[in-house]
Amino acid sequence: MTEFAIKGFASVPDFVVACAVDGVMQRWTLADGAPSLCQQIDCGGPVAPLAWRAEDETLYAALRGQPYALLCLERDRGGVLQVVERQPLAVDLAWIALDPTRRGLLGASYAMHCVAWLRDSGVETLPTDGPSHACIALGGGRLLLATETLGGSLLCLASDDAGAALHARNASRLRLAEAASPRHLACAGPWVFINNEAHARLDVCHYDAGANALHPMFSAALDWNDAEAPWYGDIRCNADGSRVWISERRLAQVHCLDVDVERGCVRASTALPAPATPRALAQHGDWLVSCGETANALVVHRRHPDGIWREVARAPCAARPMWVEFLSGA
């Protein structure tokens, strides 16, 4: 695995940016504290969602342009990514996520209104009520969640058998709020954070492993400029859920939030400058990368010893960066 030690900070892994218009993935390093492009991979089509499995250093990438496909890439000892498999798909995937049972990948389709389970036995789909933005698994795969923009709800697919087919699961819908537009999800232990694309709110839910159920805990209003409607993109959180980052595309900012999940409190910590139309975020330790979908650029922020996050570098990237992932170790 390629990691570099930077004076005063822990080792930093490479990160990968998926650029839809140019159909390439770019691997970057922060070896000197600034982003440096070290590999570019031609994916043969618009590449968007990524999923990194650290245990065997495997990267998955979905192509959202026809012909749809799932790419599997492996990283060698020198850090170089190589495409080892290209699986044709019949569905457009706007999101892919690791299946904790290691039986495959979960996906969400915005264009085809469904969630998908990609396994060796084939691809299983289940219709959703309108476009689906994100899909994740909780409880070792016993509970699958998908965001649905129509009706502002979460689709909950529950089963005591983690390997149960999608259609064989108990399906229910969790309505978050009267005015909700759930887009992306982030998880920290039993906590699930949902950003609302068109509403200045953060929803926080708790996963009850015993009951295999998701419970809404609180919904927090975020500071906002009333001159324009919000337009949120990606969301990330740290390991214990005490900090959340949300990209706001109209203002070209990343909102940093301090969260007390036990007390149900959210405090806006700071707003970090980002490239125009920031859609994709990735966070690792003291590092935060944001990518501007219309700026064709990325910005790197670093948390310094005084605890303050500061911009340290900007760099141009390929056209329409829509996803970014750190290739961190297991």
Foldseek 3Di string as FASTA:
>chain_A
DDWADDPPDDTFFWKWFFFFPQQKIWIWYCNHPETDTDDIGRRPHGWFEKEADQVQGKIWIWHQDPQTWIWIWHADPVRDIDTDDIGGDPAGFLYWYDQLLNQAIWTFGQVQQWIWGQGPVGIDIDHHDHGWAYWDAPLNQQWIWIAHQVQQWIWIFGDPDSPDGRVPTDIDIGHQDNDFGWHDWEDAHQKIWTDGQFFQKIWIWGQDNVVRDIGTDDIDGDDDDVVDTWGWAYKYADNHRQWIWIATQVQQWIWIWGDDSVVGDIDTDDIHHWFHRWHEWEDDDQWIKTAHQQRQKIWIWGQDPVRDIDTDYMDHHDHGGRYMYGSDHD
